[in-house]
PDB file of N, CA and C in Angstrom:
ATOM      1  N   MET A   1       0.835  -1.189   0.000  1.00  0.00           N
ATOM      2  CA  MET A   1       0.000   0.000   0.000  1.00  0.00           C
ATOM      3  C   MET A   1       0.878   1.250   0.000  1.00  0.00           C
ATOM      4  N   PRO A   2       0.479   2.246  -0.761  1.00  0.00           N
ATOM      5  CA  PRO A   2       1.245   3.490  -0.783  1.00  0.00           C
ATOM      6  C   PRO A   2       1.052   4.270   0.522  1.00  0.00           C
ATOM      7  N   SER A   3       2.017   5.108   0.826  1.00  0.00           N
ATOM      8  CA  SER A   3       1.934   5.930   2.032  1.00  0.00           C
ATOM      9  C   SER A   3       0.901   7.040   1.837  1.00  0.00           C
ATOM     10  N   ASP A   4       0.452   7.598   2.950  1.00  0.00           N
ATOM     11  CA  ASP A   4      -0.461   8.739   2.877  1.00  0.00           C
ATOM     12  C   ASP A   4       0.185   9.895   2.120  1.00  0.00           C
ATOM     13  N   GLU A   5       1.489  10.073   2.293  1.00  0.00           N
ATOM     14  CA  GLU A   5       2.201  11.150   1.611  1.00  0.00           C
ATOM     15  C   GLU A   5       2.175  10.954   0.092  1.00  0.00           C
ATOM     16  N   ALA A   6       2.314   9.703  -0.342  1.00  0.00           N
ATOM     17  CA  ALA A   6       2.272   9.413  -1.776  1.00  0.00           C
ATOM     18  C   ALA A   6       0.877   9.679  -2.333  1.00  0.00           C
ATOM     19  N   ILE A   7      -0.143   9.271  -1.601  1.00  0.00           N
ATOM     20  CA  ILE A   7      -1.528   9.518  -2.030  1.00  0.00           C
ATOM     21  C   ILE A   7      -1.797  11.012  -2.078  1.00  0.00           C
ATOM     22  N   ARG A   8      -1.340  11.714  -1.050  1.00  0.00           N
ATOM     23  CA  ARG A   8      -1.508  13.176  -0.986  1.00  0.00           C
ATOM     24  C   ARG A   8      -0.881  13.846  -2.209  1.00  0.00           C
ATOM     25  N   ALA A   9       0.319  13.411  -2.556  1.00  0.00           N
ATOM     26  CA  ALA A   9       1.020  13.998  -3.709  1.00  0.00           C
ATOM     27  C   ALA A   9       0.231  13.792  -4.994  1.00  0.00           C
ATOM     28  N   VAL A  10      -0.315  12.605  -5.179  1.00  0.00           N
ATOM     29  CA  VAL A  10      -1.088  12.322  -6.395  1.00  0.00           C
ATOM     30  C   VAL A  10      -2.380  13.145  -6.409  1.00  0.00           C
ATOM     31  N   LEU A  11      -3.073  13.208  -5.276  1.00  0.00           N
ATOM     32  CA  LEU A  11      -4.312  13.991  -5.216  1.00  0.00           C
ATOM     33  C   LEU A  11      -4.053  15.466  -5.533  1.00  0.00           C
ATOM     34  N   MET A  12      -3.027  16.032  -4.929  1.00  0.00           N
ATOM     35  CA  MET A  12      -2.749  17.448  -5.155  1.00  0.00           C
ATOM     36  C   MET A  12      -2.249  17.699  -6.577  1.00  0.00           C
ATOM     37  N   ASP A  13      -1.486  16.769  -7.123  1.00  0.00           N
ATOM     38  CA  ASP A  13      -1.031  16.903  -8.509  1.00  0.00           C
ATOM     39  C   ASP A  13      -2.224  16.914  -9.462  1.00  0.00           C
ATOM     40  N   LEU A  14      -3.156  15.987  -9.270  1.00  0.00           N
ATOM     41  CA  LEU A  14      -4.357  15.954 -10.114  1.00  0.00           C
ATOM     42  C   LEU A  14      -5.160  17.246  -9.972  1.00  0.00           C
ATOM     43  N   ALA A  15      -5.317  17.704  -8.748  1.00  0.00           N
ATOM     44  CA  ALA A  15      -6.091  18.924  -8.513  1.00  0.00           C
ATOM     45  C   ALA A  15      -5.447  20.115  -9.213  1.00  0.00           C
ATOM     46  N   HIS A  16      -4.138  20.228  -9.117  1.00  0.00           N
ATOM     47  CA  HIS A  16      -3.449  21.360  -9.759  1.00  0.00           C
ATOM     48  C   HIS A  16      -3.448  21.235 -11.280  1.00  0.00           C
ATOM     49  N   ARG A  17      -3.351  20.011 -11.791  1.00  0.00           N
ATOM     50  CA  ARG A  17      -3.427  19.831 -13.254  1.00  0.00           C
ATOM     51  C   ARG A  17      -4.797  20.236 -13.778  1.00  0.00           C
ATOM     52  N   ARG A  18      -5.864  19.947 -13.020  1.00  0.00           N
ATOM     53  CA  ARG A  18      -7.204  20.341 -13.442  1.00  0.00           C
ATOM     54  C   ARG A  18      -7.396  21.840 -13.317  1.00  0.00           C
ATOM     55  N   GLY A  19      -6.885  22.403 -12.234  1.00  0.00           N
ATOM     56  CA  GLY A  19      -7.018  23.833 -12.004  1.00  0.00           C
ATOM     57  C   GLY A  19      -8.266  24.177 -11.211  1.00  0.00           C
ATOM     58  N   ARG A  20      -8.319  25.406 -10.783  1.00  0.00           N
ATOM     59  CA  ARG A  20      -9.456  25.887  -9.976  1.00  0.00           C
ATOM     60  C   ARG A  20     -10.755  25.776 -10.769  1.00  0.00           C
ATOM     61  N   GLY A  21     -11.801  25.384 -10.070  1.00  0.00           N
ATOM     62  CA  GLY A  21     -13.113  25.284 -10.687  1.00  0.00           C
ATOM     63  C   GLY A  21     -13.370  23.981 -11.427  1.00  0.00           C
ATOM     64  N   LYS A  22     -12.375  23.103 -11.489  1.00  0.00           N
ATOM     65  CA  LYS A  22     -12.528  21.810 -12.153  1.00  0.00           C
ATOM     66  C   LYS A  22     -12.435  20.700 -11.124  1.00  0.00           C
ATOM     67  N   THR A  23     -13.187  19.637 -11.338  1.00  0.00           N
ATOM     68  CA  THR A  23     -13.214  18.528 -10.394  1.00  0.00           C
ATOM     69  C   THR A  23     -12.614  17.271 -11.002  1.00  0.00           C
ATOM     70  N   PHE A  24     -12.337  16.312 -10.117  1.00  0.00           N
ATOM     71  CA  PHE A  24     -11.878  15.001 -10.568  1.00  0.00           C
ATOM     72  C   PHE A  24     -12.388  13.952  -9.589  1.00  0.00           C
ATOM     73  N   CYS A  25     -12.416  12.737 -10.045  1.00  0.00           N
ATOM     74  CA  CYS A  25     -12.878  11.613  -9.230  1.00  0.00           C
ATOM     75  C   CYS A  25     -11.684  11.044  -8.450  1.00  0.00           C
ATOM     76  N   PRO A  26     -11.875  10.723  -7.185  1.00  0.00           N
ATOM     77  CA  PRO A  26     -10.781  10.119  -6.419  1.00  0.00           C
ATOM     78  C   PRO A  26     -10.236   8.838  -7.055  1.00  0.00           C
ATOM     79  N   SER A  27     -11.069   8.148  -7.821  1.00  0.00           N
ATOM     80  CA  SER A  27     -10.593   6.923  -8.474  1.00  0.00           C
ATOM     81  C   SER A  27      -9.495   7.222  -9.491  1.00  0.00           C
ATOM     82  N   GLU A  28      -9.472   8.449 -10.019  1.00  0.00           N
ATOM     83  CA  GLU A  28      -8.389   8.815 -10.938  1.00  0.00           C
ATOM     84  C   GLU A  28      -7.050   8.764 -10.214  1.00  0.00           C
ATOM     85  N   ALA A  29      -7.026   9.214  -8.970  1.00  0.00           N
ATOM     86  CA  ALA A  29      -5.799   9.156  -8.170  1.00  0.00           C
ATOM     87  C   ALA A  29      -5.426   7.703  -7.891  1.00  0.00           C
ATOM     88  N   ALA A  30      -6.400   6.903  -7.509  1.00  0.00           N
ATOM     89  CA  ALA A  30      -6.134   5.488  -7.229  1.00  0.00           C
ATOM     90  C   ALA A  30      -5.594   4.781  -8.468  1.00  0.00           C
ATOM     91  N   ARG A  31      -6.132   5.092  -9.624  1.00  0.00           N
ATOM     92  CA  ARG A  31      -5.658   4.475 -10.870  1.00  0.00           C
ATOM     93  C   ARG A  31      -4.235   4.927 -11.192  1.00  0.00           C
ATOM     94  N   GLU A  32      -3.921   6.189 -10.916  1.00  0.00           N
ATOM     95  CA  GLU A  32      -2.563   6.677 -11.166  1.00  0.00           C
ATOM     96  C   GLU A  32      -1.555   5.987 -10.271  1.00  0.00           C
ATOM     97  N   ILE A  33      -1.955   5.697  -9.052  1.00  0.00           N
ATOM     98  CA  ILE A  33      -1.060   5.017  -8.124  1.00  0.00           C
ATOM     99  C   ILE A  33      -0.765   3.614  -8.627  1.00  0.00           C
ATOM    100  N   GLY A  34      -1.765   2.972  -9.207  1.00  0.00           N
ATOM    101  CA  GLY A  34      -1.567   1.656  -9.816  1.00  0.00           C
ATOM    102  C   GLY A  34      -2.004   0.514  -8.918  1.00  0.00           C
ATOM    103  N   GLY A  35      -1.921  -0.655  -9.470  1.00  0.00           N
ATOM    104  CA  GLY A  35      -2.350  -1.846  -8.734  1.00  0.00           C
ATOM    105  C   GLY A  35      -3.862  -1.949  -8.728  1.00  0.00           C
ATOM    106  N   ASP A  36      -4.372  -2.572  -7.684  1.00  0.00           N
ATOM    107  CA  ASP A  36      -5.820  -2.747  -7.536  1.00  0.00           C
ATOM    108  C   ASP A  36      -6.410  -1.432  -7.034  1.00  0.00           C
ATOM    109  N   TRP A  37      -6.833  -0.585  -7.949  1.00  0.00           N
ATOM    110  CA  TRP A  37      -7.277   0.767  -7.581  1.00  0.00           C
ATOM    111  C   TRP A  37      -8.480   0.740  -6.657  1.00  0.00           C
ATOM    112  N   ARG A  38      -9.348  -0.243  -6.800  1.00  0.00           N
ATOM    113  CA  ARG A  38     -10.529  -0.303  -5.924  1.00  0.00           C
ATOM    114  C   ARG A  38     -10.136  -0.504  -4.464  1.00  0.00           C
ATOM    115  N   ALA A  39      -9.109  -1.301  -4.237  1.00  0.00           N
ATOM    116  CA  ALA A  39      -8.641  -1.542  -2.874  1.00  0.00           C
ATOM    117  C   ALA A  39      -8.024  -0.283  -2.267  1.00  0.00           C
ATOM    118  N   LEU A  40      -7.566   0.633  -3.108  1.00  0.00           N
ATOM    119  CA  LEU A  40      -6.954   1.878  -2.631  1.00  0.00           C
ATOM    120  C   LEU A  40      -7.968   2.951  -2.260  1.00  0.00           C
ATOM    121  N   MET A  41      -9.206   2.791  -2.699  1.00  0.00           N
ATOM    122  CA  MET A  41     -10.190   3.858  -2.523  1.00  0.00           C
ATOM    123  C   MET A  41     -10.410   4.287  -1.067  1.00  0.00           C
ATOM    124  N   PRO A  42     -10.504   3.393  -0.084  1.00  0.00           N
ATOM    125  CA  PRO A  42     -10.669   3.880   1.294  1.00  0.00           C
ATOM    126  C   PRO A  42      -9.508   4.769   1.748  1.00  0.00           C
ATOM    127  N   ASP A  43      -8.287   4.392   1.369  1.00  0.00           N
ATOM    128  CA  ASP A  43      -7.126   5.206   1.732  1.00  0.00           C
ATOM    129  C   ASP A  43      -7.131   6.540   0.993  1.00  0.00           C
ATOM    130  N   VAL A  44      -7.493   6.522  -0.281  1.00  0.00           N
ATOM    131  CA  VAL A  44      -7.549   7.763  -1.065  1.00  0.00           C
ATOM    132  C   VAL A  44      -8.593   8.702  -0.467  1.00  0.00           C
ATOM    133  N   ARG A  45      -9.751   8.166  -0.111  1.00  0.00           N
ATOM    134  CA  ARG A  45     -10.796   9.014   0.487  1.00  0.00           C
ATOM    135  C   ARG A  45     -10.379   9.542   1.862  1.00  0.00           C
ATOM    136  N   ALA A  46      -9.663   8.730   2.623  1.00  0.00           N
ATOM    137  CA  ALA A  46      -9.199   9.185   3.938  1.00  0.00           C
ATOM    138  C   ALA A  46      -8.215  10.349   3.798  1.00  0.00           C
ATOM    139  N   VAL A  47      -7.288  10.226   2.863  1.00  0.00           N
ATOM    140  CA  VAL A  47      -6.319  11.306   2.646  1.00  0.00           C
ATOM    141  C   VAL A  47      -7.028  12.532   2.070  1.00  0.00           C
ATOM    142  N   ALA A  48      -7.992  12.324   1.188  1.00  0.00           N
ATOM    143  CA  ALA A  48      -8.773  13.451   0.663  1.00  0.00           C
ATOM    144  C   ALA A  48      -9.504  14.158   1.800  1.00  0.00           C
ATOM    145  N   GLY A  49      -9.995  13.400   2.760  1.00  0.00           N
ATOM    146  CA  GLY A  49     -10.653  13.999   3.926  1.00  0.00           C
ATOM    147  C   GLY A  49      -9.695  14.847   4.740  1.00  0.00           C
ATOM    148  N   ALA A  50      -8.482  14.352   4.926  1.00  0.00           N
ATOM    149  CA  ALA A  50      -7.471  15.129   5.656  1.00  0.00           C
ATOM    150  C   ALA A  50      -7.129  16.410   4.899  1.00  0.00           C
ATOM    151  N   LEU A  51      -7.016  16.316   3.580  1.00  0.00           N
ATOM    152  CA  LEU A  51      -6.733  17.502   2.769  1.00  0.00           C
ATOM    153  C   LEU A  51      -7.893  18.489   2.828  1.00  0.00           C
ATOM    154  N   GLN A  52      -9.102  17.976   2.917  1.00  0.00           N
ATOM    155  CA  GLN A  52     -10.261  18.856   3.057  1.00  0.00           C
ATOM    156  C   GLN A  52     -10.223  19.555   4.424  1.00  0.00           C
ATOM    157  N   ASP A  53      -9.870  18.810   5.464  1.00  0.00           N
ATOM    158  CA  ASP A  53      -9.752  19.405   6.802  1.00  0.00           C
ATOM    159  C   ASP A  53      -8.716  20.524   6.822  1.00  0.00           C
ATOM    160  N   GLU A  54      -7.658  20.367   6.028  1.00  0.00           N
ATOM    161  CA  GLU A  54      -6.590  21.374   5.945  1.00  0.00           C
ATOM    162  C   GLU A  54      -6.965  22.560   5.063  1.00  0.00           C
ATOM    163  N   GLY A  55      -8.064  22.421   4.328  1.00  0.00           N
ATOM    164  CA  GLY A  55      -8.488  23.501   3.445  1.00  0.00           C
ATOM    165  C   GLY A  55      -7.887  23.461   2.054  1.00  0.00           C
ATOM    166  N   ALA A  56      -7.251  22.353   1.697  1.00  0.00           N
ATOM    167  CA  ALA A  56      -6.617  22.243   0.383  1.00  0.00           C
ATOM    168  C   ALA A  56      -7.585  21.765  -0.691  1.00  0.00           C
ATOM    169  N   LEU A  57      -8.451  20.816  -0.354  1.00  0.00           N
ATOM    170  CA  LEU A  57      -9.407  20.243  -1.306  1.00  0.00           C
ATOM    171  C   LEU A  57     -10.823  20.397  -0.770  1.00  0.00           C
ATOM    172  N   GLN A  58     -11.772  20.298  -1.693  1.00  0.00           N
ATOM    173  CA  GLN A  58     -13.190  20.264  -1.337  1.00  0.00           C
ATOM    174  C   GLN A  58     -13.811  19.052  -2.019  1.00  0.00           C
ATOM    175  N   ALA A  59     -14.503  18.242  -1.247  1.00  0.00           N
ATOM    176  CA  ALA A  59     -15.229  17.101  -1.801  1.00  0.00           C
ATOM    177  C   ALA A  59     -16.692  17.486  -1.960  1.00  0.00           C
ATOM    178  N   SER A  60     -17.303  17.006  -3.035  1.00  0.00           N
ATOM    179  CA  SER A  60     -18.719  17.287  -3.259  1.00  0.00           C
ATOM    180  C   SER A  60     -19.400  16.074  -3.868  1.00  0.00           C
ATOM    181  N   GLN A  61     -20.712  16.061  -3.673  1.00  0.00           N
ATOM    182  CA  GLN A  61     -21.554  15.010  -4.248  1.00  0.00           C
ATOM    183  C   GLN A  61     -22.839  15.699  -4.666  1.00  0.00           C
ATOM    184  N   GLY A  62     -23.127  15.630  -5.931  1.00  0.00           N
ATOM    185  CA  GLY A  62     -24.308  16.317  -6.427  1.00  0.00           C
ATOM    186  C   GLY A  62     -24.228  17.824  -6.239  1.00  0.00           C
ATOM    187  N   GLY A  63     -22.994  18.343  -6.248  1.00  0.00           N
ATOM    188  CA  GLY A  63     -22.787  19.778  -6.098  1.00  0.00           C
ATOM    189  C   GLY A  63     -22.810  20.284  -4.665  1.00  0.00           C
ATOM    190  N   LYS A  64     -22.989  19.375  -3.702  1.00  0.00           N
ATOM    191  CA  LYS A  64     -23.035  19.776  -2.289  1.00  0.00           C
ATOM    192  C   LYS A  64     -21.808  19.244  -1.560  1.00  0.00           C
ATOM    193  N   PRO A  65     -21.250  20.031  -0.638  1.00  0.00           N
ATOM    194  CA  PRO A  65     -20.072  19.575   0.109  1.00  0.00           C
ATOM    195  C   PRO A  65     -20.370  18.314   0.922  1.00  0.00           C
ATOM    196  N   VAL A  66     -19.416  17.403   0.927  1.00  0.00           N
ATOM    197  CA  VAL A  66     -19.523  16.168   1.707  1.00  0.00           C
ATOM    198  C   VAL A  66     -18.162  15.840   2.317  1.00  0.00           C
ATOM    199  N   ASP A  67     -18.174  14.970   3.306  1.00  0.00           N
ATOM    200  CA  ASP A  67     -16.939  14.443   3.869  1.00  0.00           C
ATOM    201  C   ASP A  67     -16.578  13.202   3.055  1.00  0.00           C
ATOM    202  N   PRO A  68     -15.429  13.204   2.391  1.00  0.00           N
ATOM    203  CA  PRO A  68     -15.086  12.052   1.548  1.00  0.00           C
ATOM    204  C   PRO A  68     -14.899  10.754   2.329  1.00  0.00           C
ATOM    205  N   ARG A  69     -14.675  10.864   3.633  1.00  0.00           N
ATOM    206  CA  ARG A  69     -14.485   9.658   4.449  1.00  0.00           C
ATOM    207  C   ARG A  69     -15.796   8.947   4.727  1.00  0.00           C
ATOM    208  N   THR A  70     -16.904   9.679   4.706  1.00  0.00           N
ATOM    209  CA  THR A  70     -18.184   9.069   5.074  1.00  0.00           C
ATOM    210  C   THR A  70     -19.217   9.071   3.950  1.00  0.00           C
ATOM    211  N   ALA A  71     -18.987   9.841   2.909  1.00  0.00           N
ATOM    212  CA  ALA A  71     -19.948   9.900   1.799  1.00  0.00           C
ATOM    213  C   ALA A  71     -20.038   8.541   1.109  1.00  0.00           C
ATOM    214  N   GLU A  72     -21.246   8.170   0.758  1.00  0.00           N
ATOM    215  CA  GLU A  72     -21.459   6.932   0.014  1.00  0.00           C
ATOM    216  C   GLU A  72     -21.700   7.274  -1.436  1.00  0.00           C
ATOM    217  N   GLY A  73     -21.150   6.475  -2.312  1.00  0.00           N
ATOM    218  CA  GLY A  73     -21.317   6.716  -3.736  1.00  0.00           C
ATOM    219  C   GLY A  73     -20.242   7.638  -4.284  1.00  0.00           C
ATOM    220  N   PRO A  74     -20.386   7.978  -5.555  1.00  0.00           N
ATOM    221  CA  PRO A  74     -19.350   8.774  -6.218  1.00  0.00           C
ATOM    222  C   PRO A  74     -19.269  10.194  -5.663  1.00  0.00           C
ATOM    223  N   ILE A  75     -18.050  10.672  -5.550  1.00  0.00           N
ATOM    224  CA  ILE A  75     -17.802  12.054  -5.142  1.00  0.00           C
ATOM    225  C   ILE A  75     -16.835  12.693  -6.123  1.00  0.00           C
ATOM    226  N   ARG A  76     -16.720  13.987  -6.034  1.00  0.00           N
ATOM    227  CA  ARG A  76     -15.763  14.733  -6.857  1.00  0.00           C
ATOM    228  C   ARG A  76     -14.881  15.547  -5.915  1.00  0.00           C
ATOM    229  N   LEU A  77     -13.653  15.762  -6.326  1.00  0.00           N
ATOM    230  CA  LEU A  77     -12.700  16.554  -5.556  1.00  0.00           C
ATOM    231  C   LEU A  77     -12.256  17.745  -6.399  1.00  0.00           C
ATOM    232  N   ALA A  78     -11.959  18.834  -5.718  1.00  0.00           N
ATOM    233  CA  ALA A  78     -11.490  20.045  -6.407  1.00  0.00           C
ATOM    234  C   ALA A  78     -10.617  20.846  -5.457  1.00  0.00           C
ATOM    235  N   LEU A  79      -9.772  21.702  -6.031  1.00  0.00           N
ATOM    236  CA  LEU A  79      -9.034  22.646  -5.213  1.00  0.00           C
ATOM    237  C   LEU A  79     -10.023  23.560  -4.520  1.00  0.00           C
ATOM    238  N   ARG A  80      -9.717  23.917  -3.321  1.00  0.00           N
ATOM    239  CA  ARG A  80     -10.581  24.831  -2.591  1.00  0.00           C
ATOM    240  C   ARG A  80     -10.258  26.258  -2.977  1.00  0.00           C
TER     241      ARG A  80
END
């Protein structure tokens, strides 16, 4: 399993490549990391939650803010 720091780097890289006002799916980060991306999703969402707590990312579902650690179903991430 990749470290939280490695996941954080991939999430922030994707967010910056998209730019402000654009979103991406956390699964894109898991796929970039490689391996069984589905197994990585809980860790990716946990790190996304920490980044949201820090004010770096915003998670949303249906256009409304959500906590990526507890939201069920697809979410989107964006730079805050």
